[in-house]
């Protein structure tokens, strides 16, 4: 394999890793935006129907429990995305070793991932509060 073929192969691998990190992150952000919206819409529906006393009190803990489980799974999903991005970033950094600049800002991914986990954690707390308030 000549130097030119090796360079092209490394560039293809480099581009593939960058595309994978971007794609995984974009999918996670799309899922997050949709899922948080569903959480808030459902909470709003509960708030509206509880004000009208039209909600069956037995259904509230069930739905809240389902959302708690889904949010916990979301926390694990975001952690998995961060782990995957970290693994791919290490591969990119290994390819970039001759160069000193890092092209994937992992600090940004960790910051965003931490923020997403905090939001999901607050939704877990909110759903648990709804269950406690409903049981009174």
Foldseek 3Di string as FASTA:
>chain_A
DDPVVVVVVLVVLLVVLVVVLVVLVVVLVVVLVVLVVVLVVVVVVVVVCVVVVNDDLVVLLVVLVVLLVVLVVNLVSLVVSLVSNVVSQVVNCVSCVVPDDRDDPSVVSVVVSVVSNVSSVVSSVVSVVSNVVSVD
